[in-house]
Amino acid sequence: MRELRGPSIAIAVVAVGFFVLLPFLIPTAVWLVLTGYAVVKAIGTAPDSANATSVMLAVVAVVTFFTLAIAGAIYVIGRSMTPKKRSKEPQAAAV
């Protein structure tokens, strides 16, 4: 089981680092998305008030993005921990 120590440590480091940075990443990303929304609204001919549904969907999209990002990172690193399947065909004898 020692061969799985490297990927296990990598998964732990990625997960801990991600969860430590998450309180800073989510508000920053939400602020950037909502700033972009405000700029587009200011340029266009939209009504003055912000649409609550659009703001909520923006926040949900940001949180979903970060959830999928950590899941994808753990999948890519953990894929090396899955043993390779052997073929069922018998191996030819070495000549």
PDB file of N, CA and C in Angstrom:
ATOM      1  N   MET A   1       0.806  -1.206   0.000  1.00  0.00           N
ATOM      2  CA  MET A   1       0.000   0.000   0.000  1.00  0.00           C
ATOM      3  C   MET A   1       0.850   1.273   0.000  1.00  0.00           C
ATOM      4  N   ARG A   2       2.150   1.134   0.051  1.00  0.00           N
ATOM      5  CA  ARG A   2       2.998   2.319   0.067  1.00  0.00           C
ATOM      6  C   ARG A   2       2.953   3.076  -1.267  1.00  0.00           C
ATOM      7  N   GLU A   3       2.623   2.365  -2.349  1.00  0.00           N
ATOM      8  CA  GLU A   3       2.599   3.034  -3.647  1.00  0.00           C
ATOM      9  C   GLU A   3       1.464   4.046  -3.759  1.00  0.00           C
ATOM     10  N   LEU A   4       0.494   3.987  -2.868  1.00  0.00           N
ATOM     11  CA  LEU A   4      -0.632   4.921  -2.902  1.00  0.00           C
ATOM     12  C   LEU A   4      -0.434   6.108  -1.959  1.00  0.00           C
ATOM     13  N   ARG A   5       0.710   6.159  -1.296  1.00  0.00           N
ATOM     14  CA  ARG A   5       0.937   7.230  -0.333  1.00  0.00           C
ATOM     15  C   ARG A   5       1.033   8.593  -1.020  1.00  0.00           C
ATOM     16  N   GLY A   6       1.714   8.679  -2.156  1.00  0.00           N
ATOM     17  CA  GLY A   6       1.879   9.950  -2.872  1.00  0.00           C
ATOM     18  C   GLY A   6       0.556  10.563  -3.311  1.00  0.00           C
ATOM     19  N   PRO A   7      -0.270   9.797  -4.057  1.00  0.00           N
ATOM     20  CA  PRO A   7      -1.565  10.361  -4.455  1.00  0.00           C
ATOM     21  C   PRO A   7      -2.467  10.690  -3.269  1.00  0.00           C
ATOM     22  N   SER A   8      -2.385   9.903  -2.203  1.00  0.00           N
ATOM     23  CA  SER A   8      -3.207  10.191  -1.027  1.00  0.00           C
ATOM     24  C   SER A   8      -2.813  11.510  -0.387  1.00  0.00           C
ATOM     25  N   ILE A   9      -1.514  11.743  -0.282  1.00  0.00           N
ATOM     26  CA  ILE A   9      -1.036  13.007   0.278  1.00  0.00           C
ATOM     27  C   ILE A   9      -1.405  14.160  -0.640  1.00  0.00           C
ATOM     28  N   ALA A  10      -1.316  13.955  -1.958  1.00  0.00           N
ATOM     29  CA  ALA A  10      -1.679  15.013  -2.910  1.00  0.00           C
ATOM     30  C   ALA A  10      -3.154  15.374  -2.795  1.00  0.00           C
ATOM     31  N   ILE A  11      -4.013  14.376  -2.645  1.00  0.00           N
ATOM     32  CA  ILE A  11      -5.445  14.644  -2.492  1.00  0.00           C
ATOM     33  C   ILE A  11      -5.697  15.428  -1.205  1.00  0.00           C
ATOM     34  N   ALA A  12      -5.021  15.031  -0.136  1.00  0.00           N
ATOM     35  CA  ALA A  12      -5.206  15.731   1.140  1.00  0.00           C
ATOM     36  C   ALA A  12      -4.735  17.179   1.045  1.00  0.00           C
ATOM     37  N   VAL A  13      -3.599  17.409   0.389  1.00  0.00           N
ATOM     38  CA  VAL A  13      -3.074  18.771   0.256  1.00  0.00           C
ATOM     39  C   VAL A  13      -3.999  19.630  -0.596  1.00  0.00           C
ATOM     40  N   VAL A  14      -4.474  19.079  -1.696  1.00  0.00           N
ATOM     41  CA  VAL A  14      -5.384  19.827  -2.569  1.00  0.00           C
ATOM     42  C   VAL A  14      -6.686  20.149  -1.835  1.00  0.00           C
ATOM     43  N   ALA A  15      -7.231  19.169  -1.124  1.00  0.00           N
ATOM     44  CA  ALA A  15      -8.503  19.387  -0.422  1.00  0.00           C
ATOM     45  C   ALA A  15      -8.347  20.432   0.686  1.00  0.00           C
ATOM     46  N   VAL A  16      -7.299  20.294   1.495  1.00  0.00           N
ATOM     47  CA  VAL A  16      -7.107  21.248   2.587  1.00  0.00           C
ATOM     48  C   VAL A  16      -6.832  22.643   2.033  1.00  0.00           C
ATOM     49  N   GLY A  17      -5.967  22.733   1.028  1.00  0.00           N
ATOM     50  CA  GLY A  17      -5.678  24.042   0.425  1.00  0.00           C
ATOM     51  C   GLY A  17      -6.918  24.683  -0.173  1.00  0.00           C
ATOM     52  N   PHE A  18      -7.729  23.870  -0.840  1.00  0.00           N
ATOM     53  CA  PHE A  18      -8.946  24.399  -1.449  1.00  0.00           C
ATOM     54  C   PHE A  18      -9.917  24.907  -0.392  1.00  0.00           C
ATOM     55  N   PHE A  19     -10.101  24.114   0.669  1.00  0.00           N
ATOM     56  CA  PHE A  19     -11.047  24.525   1.706  1.00  0.00           C
ATOM     57  C   PHE A  19     -10.543  25.717   2.514  1.00  0.00           C
ATOM     58  N   VAL A  20      -9.225  25.875   2.607  1.00  0.00           N
ATOM     59  CA  VAL A  20      -8.675  27.061   3.277  1.00  0.00           C
ATOM     60  C   VAL A  20      -8.907  28.306   2.425  1.00  0.00           C
ATOM     61  N   LEU A  21      -8.757  28.179   1.109  1.00  0.00           N
ATOM     62  CA  LEU A  21      -8.926  29.320   0.206  1.00  0.00           C
ATOM     63  C   LEU A  21     -10.384  29.617  -0.139  1.00  0.00           C
ATOM     64  N   LEU A  22     -11.266  28.670   0.084  1.00  0.00           N
ATOM     65  CA  LEU A  22     -12.667  28.820  -0.312  1.00  0.00           C
ATOM     66  C   LEU A  22     -13.348  30.054   0.282  1.00  0.00           C
ATOM     67  N   PRO A  23     -13.129  30.406   1.556  1.00  0.00           N
ATOM     68  CA  PRO A  23     -13.780  31.614   2.089  1.00  0.00           C
ATOM     69  C   PRO A  23     -13.321  32.901   1.404  1.00  0.00           C
ATOM     70  N   PHE A  24     -12.181  32.868   0.744  1.00  0.00           N
ATOM     71  CA  PHE A  24     -11.703  34.044   0.010  1.00  0.00           C
ATOM     72  C   PHE A  24     -12.096  33.977  -1.467  1.00  0.00           C
ATOM     73  N   LEU A  25     -12.154  32.764  -2.019  1.00  0.00           N
ATOM     74  CA  LEU A  25     -12.460  32.604  -3.441  1.00  0.00           C
ATOM     75  C   LEU A  25     -13.924  32.890  -3.763  1.00  0.00           C
ATOM     76  N   ILE A  26     -14.838  32.379  -2.956  1.00  0.00           N
ATOM     77  CA  ILE A  26     -16.263  32.534  -3.268  1.00  0.00           C
ATOM     78  C   ILE A  26     -16.699  34.001  -3.225  1.00  0.00           C
ATOM     79  N   PRO A  27     -16.396  34.767  -2.171  1.00  0.00           N
ATOM     80  CA  PRO A  27     -16.825  36.177  -2.198  1.00  0.00           C
ATOM     81  C   PRO A  27     -16.163  36.979  -3.319  1.00  0.00           C
ATOM     82  N   THR A  28     -14.906  36.671  -3.613  1.00  0.00           N
ATOM     83  CA  THR A  28     -14.223  37.381  -4.701  1.00  0.00           C
ATOM     84  C   THR A  28     -14.882  37.065  -6.039  1.00  0.00           C
ATOM     85  N   ALA A  29     -15.169  35.785  -6.274  1.00  0.00           N
ATOM     86  CA  ALA A  29     -15.809  35.402  -7.532  1.00  0.00           C
ATOM     87  C   ALA A  29     -17.219  35.976  -7.639  1.00  0.00           C
ATOM     88  N   VAL A  30     -17.963  35.971  -6.548  1.00  0.00           N
ATOM     89  CA  VAL A  30     -19.316  36.554  -6.564  1.00  0.00           C
ATOM     90  C   VAL A  30     -19.234  38.046  -6.849  1.00  0.00           C
ATOM     91  N   TRP A  31     -18.272  38.719  -6.227  1.00  0.00           N
ATOM     92  CA  TRP A  31     -18.107  40.158  -6.464  1.00  0.00           C
ATOM     93  C   TRP A  31     -17.778  40.425  -7.936  1.00  0.00           C
ATOM     94  N   LEU A  32     -16.890  39.622  -8.526  1.00  0.00           N
ATOM     95  CA  LEU A  32     -16.537  39.816  -9.938  1.00  0.00           C
ATOM     96  C   LEU A  32     -17.735  39.578 -10.853  1.00  0.00           C
ATOM     97  N   VAL A  33     -18.489  38.526 -10.580  1.00  0.00           N
ATOM     98  CA  VAL A  33     -19.659  38.218 -11.414  1.00  0.00           C
ATOM     99  C   VAL A  33     -20.708  39.323 -11.293  1.00  0.00           C
ATOM    100  N   LEU A  34     -20.968  39.755 -10.075  1.00  0.00           N
ATOM    101  CA  LEU A  34     -21.983  40.801  -9.890  1.00  0.00           C
ATOM    102  C   LEU A  34     -21.511  42.154 -10.426  1.00  0.00           C
ATOM    103  N   THR A  35     -20.217  42.415 -10.393  1.00  0.00           N
ATOM    104  CA  THR A  35     -19.696  43.636 -11.010  1.00  0.00           C
ATOM    105  C   THR A  35     -19.897  43.593 -12.524  1.00  0.00           C
ATOM    106  N   GLY A  36     -19.614  42.448 -13.107  1.00  0.00           N
ATOM    107  CA  GLY A  36     -19.870  42.285 -14.543  1.00  0.00           C
ATOM    108  C   GLY A  36     -21.342  42.444 -14.871  1.00  0.00           C
ATOM    109  N   TYR A  37     -22.198  41.898 -14.025  1.00  0.00           N
ATOM    110  CA  TYR A  37     -23.647  42.040 -14.206  1.00  0.00           C
ATOM    111  C   TYR A  37     -24.050  43.516 -14.127  1.00  0.00           C
ATOM    112  N   ALA A  38     -23.477  44.251 -13.175  1.00  0.00           N
ATOM    113  CA  ALA A  38     -23.810  45.672 -13.019  1.00  0.00           C
ATOM    114  C   ALA A  38     -23.327  46.492 -14.208  1.00  0.00           C
ATOM    115  N   VAL A  39     -22.155  46.156 -14.724  1.00  0.00           N
ATOM    116  CA  VAL A  39     -21.631  46.889 -15.890  1.00  0.00           C
ATOM    117  C   VAL A  39     -22.516  46.642 -17.105  1.00  0.00           C
ATOM    118  N   VAL A  40     -22.889  45.392 -17.319  1.00  0.00           N
ATOM    119  CA  VAL A  40     -23.761  45.075 -18.456  1.00  0.00           C
ATOM    120  C   VAL A  40     -25.108  45.763 -18.300  1.00  0.00           C
ATOM    121  N   LYS A  41     -25.634  45.793 -17.078  1.00  0.00           N
ATOM    122  CA  LYS A  41     -26.910  46.470 -16.832  1.00  0.00           C
ATOM    123  C   LYS A  41     -26.799  47.974 -17.042  1.00  0.00           C
ATOM    124  N   ALA A  42     -25.660  48.556 -16.658  1.00  0.00           N
ATOM    125  CA  ALA A  42     -25.468  49.999 -16.824  1.00  0.00           C
ATOM    126  C   ALA A  42     -25.334  50.378 -18.296  1.00  0.00           C
ATOM    127  N   ILE A  43     -24.723  49.519 -19.072  1.00  0.00           N
ATOM    128  CA  ILE A  43     -24.534  49.812 -20.503  1.00  0.00           C
ATOM    129  C   ILE A  43     -25.843  49.631 -21.260  1.00  0.00           C
ATOM    130  N   GLY A  44     -26.588  48.607 -20.916  1.00  0.00           N
ATOM    131  CA  GLY A  44     -27.815  48.286 -21.640  1.00  0.00           C
ATOM    132  C   GLY A  44     -28.981  49.156 -21.231  1.00  0.00           C
ATOM    133  N   THR A  45     -30.127  48.805 -21.774  1.00  0.00           N
ATOM    134  CA  THR A  45     -31.353  49.563 -21.489  1.00  0.00           C
ATOM    135  C   THR A  45     -32.252  48.771 -20.545  1.00  0.00           C
ATOM    136  N   ALA A  46     -31.662  48.112 -19.579  1.00  0.00           N
ATOM    137  CA  ALA A  46     -32.423  47.299 -18.634  1.00  0.00           C
ATOM    138  C   ALA A  46     -33.059  48.188 -17.572  1.00  0.00           C
ATOM    139  N   PRO A  47     -34.026  47.659 -16.840  1.00  0.00           N
ATOM    140  CA  PRO A  47     -34.616  48.430 -15.735  1.00  0.00           C
ATOM    141  C   PRO A  47     -33.562  48.772 -14.678  1.00  0.00           C
ATOM    142  N   ASP A  48     -33.879  49.730 -13.823  1.00  0.00           N
ATOM    143  CA  ASP A  48     -32.913  50.215 -12.843  1.00  0.00           C
ATOM    144  C   ASP A  48     -32.555  49.180 -11.778  1.00  0.00           C
ATOM    145  N   SER A  49     -33.516  48.448 -11.290  1.00  0.00           N
ATOM    146  CA  SER A  49     -33.223  47.513 -10.198  1.00  0.00           C
ATOM    147  C   SER A  49     -32.665  46.194 -10.739  1.00  0.00           C
ATOM    148  N   ALA A  50     -31.877  45.550  -9.905  1.00  0.00           N
ATOM    149  CA  ALA A  50     -31.298  44.263 -10.295  1.00  0.00           C
ATOM    150  C   ALA A  50     -32.356  43.173 -10.190  1.00  0.00           C
ATOM    151  N   ASN A  51     -32.267  42.215 -11.071  1.00  0.00           N
ATOM    152  CA  ASN A  51     -33.185  41.097 -11.056  1.00  0.00           C
ATOM    153  C   ASN A  51     -32.706  40.100  -9.998  1.00  0.00           C
ATOM    154  N   ALA A  52     -33.533  39.822  -9.005  1.00  0.00           N
ATOM    155  CA  ALA A  52     -33.141  38.928  -7.907  1.00  0.00           C
ATOM    156  C   ALA A  52     -32.835  37.523  -8.399  1.00  0.00           C
ATOM    157  N   THR A  53     -33.560  37.071  -9.400  1.00  0.00           N
ATOM    158  CA  THR A  53     -33.314  35.736  -9.951  1.00  0.00           C
ATOM    159  C   THR A  53     -31.940  35.667 -10.599  1.00  0.00           C
ATOM    160  N   SER A  54     -31.557  36.691 -11.324  1.00  0.00           N
ATOM    161  CA  SER A  54     -30.242  36.709 -11.963  1.00  0.00           C
ATOM    162  C   SER A  54     -29.117  36.724 -10.934  1.00  0.00           C
ATOM    163  N   VAL A  55     -29.296  37.497  -9.882  1.00  0.00           N
ATOM    164  CA  VAL A  55     -28.278  37.554  -8.831  1.00  0.00           C
ATOM    165  C   VAL A  55     -28.159  36.195  -8.140  1.00  0.00           C
ATOM    166  N   MET A  56     -29.269  35.563  -7.833  1.00  0.00           N
ATOM    167  CA  MET A  56     -29.244  34.260  -7.175  1.00  0.00           C
ATOM    168  C   MET A  56     -28.615  33.204  -8.082  1.00  0.00           C
ATOM    169  N   LEU A  57     -28.944  33.230  -9.364  1.00  0.00           N
ATOM    170  CA  LEU A  57     -28.351  32.280 -10.297  1.00  0.00           C
ATOM    171  C   LEU A  57     -26.844  32.498 -10.436  1.00  0.00           C
ATOM    172  N   ALA A  58     -26.404  33.744 -10.350  1.00  0.00           N
ATOM    173  CA  ALA A  58     -24.975  34.025 -10.404  1.00  0.00           C
ATOM    174  C   ALA A  58     -24.257  33.431  -9.199  1.00  0.00           C
ATOM    175  N   VAL A  59     -24.828  33.586  -8.023  1.00  0.00           N
ATOM    176  CA  VAL A  59     -24.222  33.021  -6.807  1.00  0.00           C
ATOM    177  C   VAL A  59     -24.223  31.497  -6.875  1.00  0.00           C
ATOM    178  N   VAL A  60     -25.324  30.913  -7.317  1.00  0.00           N
ATOM    179  CA  VAL A  60     -25.405  29.455  -7.447  1.00  0.00           C
ATOM    180  C   VAL A  60     -24.381  28.956  -8.469  1.00  0.00           C
ATOM    181  N   ALA A  61     -24.200  29.667  -9.567  1.00  0.00           N
ATOM    182  CA  ALA A  61     -23.228  29.268 -10.578  1.00  0.00           C
ATOM    183  C   ALA A  61     -21.804  29.306 -10.028  1.00  0.00           C
ATOM    184  N   VAL A  62     -21.481  30.320  -9.242  1.00  0.00           N
ATOM    185  CA  VAL A  62     -20.136  30.425  -8.663  1.00  0.00           C
ATOM    186  C   VAL A  62     -19.881  29.275  -7.698  1.00  0.00           C
ATOM    187  N   VAL A  63     -20.822  28.998  -6.817  1.00  0.00           N
ATOM    188  CA  VAL A  63     -20.652  27.918  -5.843  1.00  0.00           C
ATOM    189  C   VAL A  63     -20.591  26.566  -6.554  1.00  0.00           C
ATOM    190  N   THR A  64     -21.416  26.375  -7.574  1.00  0.00           N
ATOM    191  CA  THR A  64     -21.377  25.133  -8.342  1.00  0.00           C
ATOM    192  C   THR A  64     -20.048  24.964  -9.045  1.00  0.00           C
ATOM    193  N   PHE A  65     -19.505  26.035  -9.595  1.00  0.00           N
ATOM    194  CA  PHE A  65     -18.207  25.971 -10.262  1.00  0.00           C
ATOM    195  C   PHE A  65     -17.122  25.493  -9.301  1.00  0.00           C
ATOM    196  N   PHE A  66     -17.079  26.062  -8.107  1.00  0.00           N
ATOM    197  CA  PHE A  66     -16.041  25.665  -7.157  1.00  0.00           C
ATOM    198  C   PHE A  66     -16.254  24.244  -6.646  1.00  0.00           C
ATOM    199  N   THR A  67     -17.492  23.815  -6.507  1.00  0.00           N
ATOM    200  CA  THR A  67     -17.768  22.432  -6.110  1.00  0.00           C
ATOM    201  C   THR A  67     -17.280  21.463  -7.176  1.00  0.00           C
ATOM    202  N   LEU A  68     -17.566  21.765  -8.432  1.00  0.00           N
ATOM    203  CA  LEU A  68     -17.107  20.901  -9.518  1.00  0.00           C
ATOM    204  C   LEU A  68     -15.591  20.963  -9.680  1.00  0.00           C
ATOM    205  N   ALA A  69     -14.982  22.109  -9.375  1.00  0.00           N
ATOM    206  CA  ALA A  69     -13.532  22.233  -9.473  1.00  0.00           C
ATOM    207  C   ALA A  69     -12.831  21.326  -8.478  1.00  0.00           C
ATOM    208  N   ILE A  70     -13.286  21.298  -7.233  1.00  0.00           N
ATOM    209  CA  ILE A  70     -12.638  20.425  -6.248  1.00  0.00           C
ATOM    210  C   ILE A  70     -12.917  18.960  -6.565  1.00  0.00           C
ATOM    211  N   ALA A  71     -14.121  18.646  -7.030  1.00  0.00           N
ATOM    212  CA  ALA A  71     -14.435  17.263  -7.397  1.00  0.00           C
ATOM    213  C   ALA A  71     -13.576  16.804  -8.573  1.00  0.00           C
ATOM    214  N   GLY A  72     -13.393  17.674  -9.553  1.00  0.00           N
ATOM    215  CA  GLY A  72     -12.558  17.330 -10.703  1.00  0.00           C
ATOM    216  C   GLY A  72     -11.096  17.163 -10.327  1.00  0.00           C
ATOM    217  N   ALA A  73     -10.595  18.028  -9.459  1.00  0.00           N
ATOM    218  CA  ALA A  73      -9.199  17.919  -9.038  1.00  0.00           C
ATOM    219  C   ALA A  73      -8.958  16.629  -8.271  1.00  0.00           C
ATOM    220  N   ILE A  74      -9.865  16.276  -7.382  1.00  0.00           N
ATOM    221  CA  ILE A  74      -9.708  15.031  -6.626  1.00  0.00           C
ATOM    222  C   ILE A  74      -9.854  13.823  -7.543  1.00  0.00           C
ATOM    223  N   TYR A  75     -10.735  13.905  -8.532  1.00  0.00           N
ATOM    224  CA  TYR A  75     -10.891  12.802  -9.484  1.00  0.00           C
ATOM    225  C   TYR A  75      -9.611  12.590 -10.281  1.00  0.00           C
ATOM    226  N   VAL A  76      -9.032  13.660 -10.773  1.00  0.00           N
ATOM    227  CA  VAL A  76      -7.836  13.533 -11.603  1.00  0.00           C
ATOM    228  C   VAL A  76      -6.671  12.969 -10.789  1.00  0.00           C
ATOM    229  N   ILE A  77      -6.516  13.436  -9.570  1.00  0.00           N
ATOM    230  CA  ILE A  77      -5.420  12.924  -8.737  1.00  0.00           C
ATOM    231  C   ILE A  77      -5.718  11.496  -8.285  1.00  0.00           C
ATOM    232  N   GLY A  78      -6.941  11.218  -7.899  1.00  0.00           N
ATOM    233  CA  GLY A  78      -7.296   9.900  -7.395  1.00  0.00           C
ATOM    234  C   GLY A  78      -7.385   8.827  -8.456  1.00  0.00           C
ATOM    235  N   ARG A  79      -7.470   9.222  -9.706  1.00  0.00           N
ATOM    236  CA  ARG A  79      -7.547   8.241 -10.784  1.00  0.00           C
ATOM    237  C   ARG A  79      -6.314   7.349 -10.809  1.00  0.00           C
ATOM    238  N   SER A  80      -5.160   7.886 -10.389  1.00  0.00           N
ATOM    239  CA  SER A  80      -3.943   7.083 -10.390  1.00  0.00           C
ATOM    240  C   SER A  80      -3.960   6.037  -9.283  1.00  0.00           C
ATOM    241  N   MET A  81      -4.865   6.148  -8.327  1.00  0.00           N
ATOM    242  CA  MET A  81      -4.951   5.178  -7.236  1.00  0.00           C
ATOM    243  C   MET A  81      -5.765   3.948  -7.620  1.00  0.00           C
ATOM    244  N   THR A  82      -6.537   4.022  -8.700  1.00  0.00           N
ATOM    245  CA  THR A  82      -7.365   2.904  -9.132  1.00  0.00           C
ATOM    246  C   THR A  82      -6.490   1.880  -9.843  1.00  0.00           C
ATOM    247  N   PRO A  83      -6.514   0.631  -9.410  1.00  0.00           N
ATOM    248  CA  PRO A  83      -5.676  -0.365 -10.077  1.00  0.00           C
ATOM    249  C   PRO A  83      -6.130  -0.603 -11.514  1.00  0.00           C
ATOM    250  N   LYS A  84      -5.172  -0.881 -12.367  1.00  0.00           N
ATOM    251  CA  LYS A  84      -5.475  -1.152 -13.772  1.00  0.00           C
ATOM    252  C   LYS A  84      -6.110  -2.532 -13.898  1.00  0.00           C
ATOM    253  N   LYS A  85      -7.100  -2.651 -14.770  1.00  0.00           N
ATOM    254  CA  LYS A  85      -7.738  -3.942 -14.994  1.00  0.00           C
ATOM    255  C   LYS A  85      -6.850  -4.778 -15.907  1.00  0.00           C
ATOM    256  N   ARG A  86      -6.737  -6.036 -15.582  1.00  0.00           N
ATOM    257  CA  ARG A  86      -5.945  -6.944 -16.399  1.00  0.00           C
ATOM    258  C   ARG A  86      -6.833  -7.562 -17.462  1.00  0.00           C
ATOM    259  N   SER A  87      -6.237  -7.826 -18.607  1.00  0.00           N
ATOM    260  CA  SER A  87      -7.021  -8.464 -19.664  1.00  0.00           C
ATOM    261  C   SER A  87      -7.266  -9.918 -19.292  1.00  0.00           C
ATOM    262  N   LYS A  88      -8.375 -10.463 -19.762  1.00  0.00           N
ATOM    263  CA  LYS A  88      -8.736 -11.834 -19.427  1.00  0.00           C
ATOM    264  C   LYS A  88      -8.082 -12.852 -20.356  1.00  0.00           C
ATOM    265  N   GLU A  89      -7.428 -12.380 -21.408  1.00  0.00           N
ATOM    266  CA  GLU A  89      -6.757 -13.278 -22.318  1.00  0.00           C
ATOM    267  C   GLU A  89      -5.447 -13.747 -21.699  1.00  0.00           C
ATOM    268  N   PRO A  90      -5.128 -15.016 -21.859  1.00  0.00           N
ATOM    269  CA  PRO A  90      -3.871 -15.509 -21.296  1.00  0.00           C
ATOM    270  C   PRO A  90      -2.686 -14.894 -22.047  1.00  0.00           C
ATOM    271  N   GLN A  91      -1.635 -14.621 -21.309  1.00  0.00           N
ATOM    272  CA  GLN A  91      -0.447 -14.032 -21.902  1.00  0.00           C
ATOM    273  C   GLN A  91       0.325 -15.099 -22.678  1.00  0.00           C
ATOM    274  N   ALA A  92       0.855 -14.723 -23.817  1.00  0.00           N
ATOM    275  CA  ALA A  92       1.656 -15.660 -24.608  1.00  0.00           C
ATOM    276  C   ALA A  92       3.003 -15.868 -23.920  1.00  0.00           C
ATOM    277  N   ALA A  93       3.516 -17.094 -24.000  1.00  0.00           N
ATOM    278  CA  ALA A  93       4.793 -17.397 -23.364  1.00  0.00           C
ATOM    279  C   ALA A  93       5.903 -16.665 -24.107  1.00  0.00           C
ATOM    280  N   ALA A  94       6.874 -16.202 -23.350  1.00  0.00           N
ATOM    281  CA  ALA A  94       8.008 -15.493 -23.957  1.00  0.00           C
ATOM    282  C   ALA A  94       8.829 -16.439 -24.804  1.00  0.00           C
ATOM    283  N   VAL A  95       9.193 -16.012 -25.976  1.00  0.00           N
ATOM    284  CA  VAL A  95       9.953 -16.867 -26.899  1.00  0.00           C
ATOM    285  C   VAL A  95      11.409 -16.588 -26.772  1.00  0.00           C
TER     286      VAL A  95
END
